[in-house]
Amino acid sequence: MSMEHRDVIIVGAGLTGIGAAYHLSDKCPNRSYLLLESRQAMGGTWDLFRYPGIRSDSDMHTLG
């Protein structure tokens, strides 16, 4: 296993992780990053929880 330097490691390819990767690419193009996701699909909760005809999610404000 080879070791490669990354400036930032993003854990989770849900909306927040994808957004972080986008903003890093846009605002800090000289920084390298690694986006990690344990599942086969990106999208986090939006991909995981599906109901007939809709996708649903509750934010932390709703839960807390």
C-alpha atoms as a PDB file:
ATOM      1  CA  MET A   1       0.000   0.000   0.000  1.00  0.00           C
ATOM      2  CA  SER A   2       1.544   3.282  -1.069  1.00  0.00           C
ATOM      3  CA  MET A   3       1.218   6.434   1.001  1.00  0.00           C
ATOM      4  CA  GLU A   4       0.225   9.603  -0.836  1.00  0.00           C
ATOM      5  CA  HIS A   5      -0.004  13.005   0.850  1.00  0.00           C
ATOM      6  CA  ARG A   6      -3.375  14.776   0.945  1.00  0.00           C
ATOM      7  CA  ASP A   7      -3.982  18.200   2.482  1.00  0.00           C
ATOM      8  CA  VAL A   8      -7.586  17.366   3.439  1.00  0.00           C
ATOM      9  CA  ILE A   9      -9.472  14.121   4.020  1.00  0.00           C
ATOM     10  CA  ILE A  10     -13.254  14.316   3.721  1.00  0.00           C
ATOM     11  CA  VAL A  11     -15.122  11.451   5.396  1.00  0.00           C
ATOM     12  CA  GLY A  12     -18.502  10.741   3.829  1.00  0.00           C
ATOM     13  CA  ALA A  13     -19.807  11.486   0.342  1.00  0.00           C
ATOM     14  CA  GLY A  14     -23.184  12.835   1.415  1.00  0.00           C
ATOM     15  CA  LEU A  15     -24.334  16.352   0.613  1.00  0.00           C
ATOM     16  CA  THR A  16     -21.889  17.916   3.073  1.00  0.00           C
ATOM     17  CA  GLY A  17     -18.898  15.880   1.889  1.00  0.00           C
ATOM     18  CA  ILE A  18     -19.648  16.531  -1.768  1.00  0.00           C
ATOM     19  CA  GLY A  19     -20.123  20.221  -0.977  1.00  0.00           C
ATOM     20  CA  ALA A  20     -16.811  20.343   0.890  1.00  0.00           C
ATOM     21  CA  ALA A  21     -15.015  18.738  -2.057  1.00  0.00           C
ATOM     22  CA  TYR A  22     -16.613  21.216  -4.451  1.00  0.00           C
ATOM     23  CA  HIS A  23     -15.662  24.233  -2.348  1.00  0.00           C
ATOM     24  CA  LEU A  24     -12.108  22.982  -1.875  1.00  0.00           C
ATOM     25  CA  SER A  25     -11.772  22.551  -5.639  1.00  0.00           C
ATOM     26  CA  ASP A  26     -13.265  25.994  -6.272  1.00  0.00           C
ATOM     27  CA  LYS A  27     -11.716  28.092  -3.487  1.00  0.00           C
ATOM     28  CA  CYS A  28      -8.451  26.212  -2.848  1.00  0.00           C
ATOM     29  CA  PRO A  29      -7.430  24.641  -6.164  1.00  0.00           C
ATOM     30  CA  ASN A  30      -3.848  24.157  -4.955  1.00  0.00           C
ATOM     31  CA  ARG A  31      -4.987  21.871  -2.098  1.00  0.00           C
ATOM     32  CA  SER A  32      -5.301  18.125  -2.561  1.00  0.00           C
ATOM     33  CA  TYR A  33      -8.110  16.156  -0.967  1.00  0.00           C
ATOM     34  CA  LEU A  34      -9.418  12.637  -0.624  1.00  0.00           C
ATOM     35  CA  LEU A  35     -13.165  11.968  -0.408  1.00  0.00           C
ATOM     36  CA  LEU A  36     -13.926   8.690   1.403  1.00  0.00           C
ATOM     37  CA  GLU A  37     -17.259   6.855   1.283  1.00  0.00           C
ATOM     38  CA  SER A  38     -17.948   3.393   2.728  1.00  0.00           C
ATOM     39  CA  ARG A  39     -20.948   2.685   0.519  1.00  0.00           C
ATOM     40  CA  GLN A  40     -20.973   1.946  -3.225  1.00  0.00           C
ATOM     41  CA  ALA A  41     -23.061   5.046  -4.000  1.00  0.00           C
ATOM     42  CA  MET A  42     -22.477   8.712  -3.244  1.00  0.00           C
ATOM     43  CA  GLY A  43     -25.232  10.855  -1.792  1.00  0.00           C
ATOM     44  CA  GLY A  44     -25.405   9.721   1.825  1.00  0.00           C
ATOM     45  CA  THR A  45     -28.876   9.939   3.353  1.00  0.00           C
ATOM     46  CA  TRP A  46     -30.392  11.204   0.101  1.00  0.00           C
ATOM     47  CA  ASP A  47     -29.340   7.995  -1.619  1.00  0.00           C
ATOM     48  CA  LEU A  48     -29.929   5.659   1.346  1.00  0.00           C
ATOM     49  CA  PHE A  49     -33.495   6.586   2.372  1.00  0.00           C
ATOM     50  CA  ARG A  50     -35.946   6.309  -0.499  1.00  0.00           C
ATOM     51  CA  TYR A  51     -39.716   6.179  -0.353  1.00  0.00           C
ATOM     52  CA  PRO A  52     -42.097   5.477  -3.243  1.00  0.00           C
ATOM     53  CA  GLY A  53     -41.795   8.441  -5.583  1.00  0.00           C
ATOM     54  CA  ILE A  54     -39.787  10.689  -3.218  1.00  0.00           C
ATOM     55  CA  ARG A  55     -36.522  10.975  -1.376  1.00  0.00           C
ATOM     56  CA  SER A  56     -36.583  12.170   2.218  1.00  0.00           C
ATOM     57  CA  ASP A  57     -34.139  13.497   4.784  1.00  0.00           C
ATOM     58  CA  SER A  58     -34.303  15.269   8.128  1.00  0.00           C
ATOM     59  CA  ASP A  59     -31.624  17.764   9.098  1.00  0.00           C
ATOM     60  CA  MET A  60     -30.014  17.889  12.559  1.00  0.00           C
ATOM     61  CA  HIS A  61     -32.189  20.865  13.569  1.00  0.00           C
ATOM     62  CA  THR A  62     -35.292  18.716  13.054  1.00  0.00           C
ATOM     63  CA  LEU A  63     -33.829  15.800  15.034  1.00  0.00           C
ATOM     64  CA  GLY A  64     -32.363  17.848  17.908  1.00  0.00           C
END
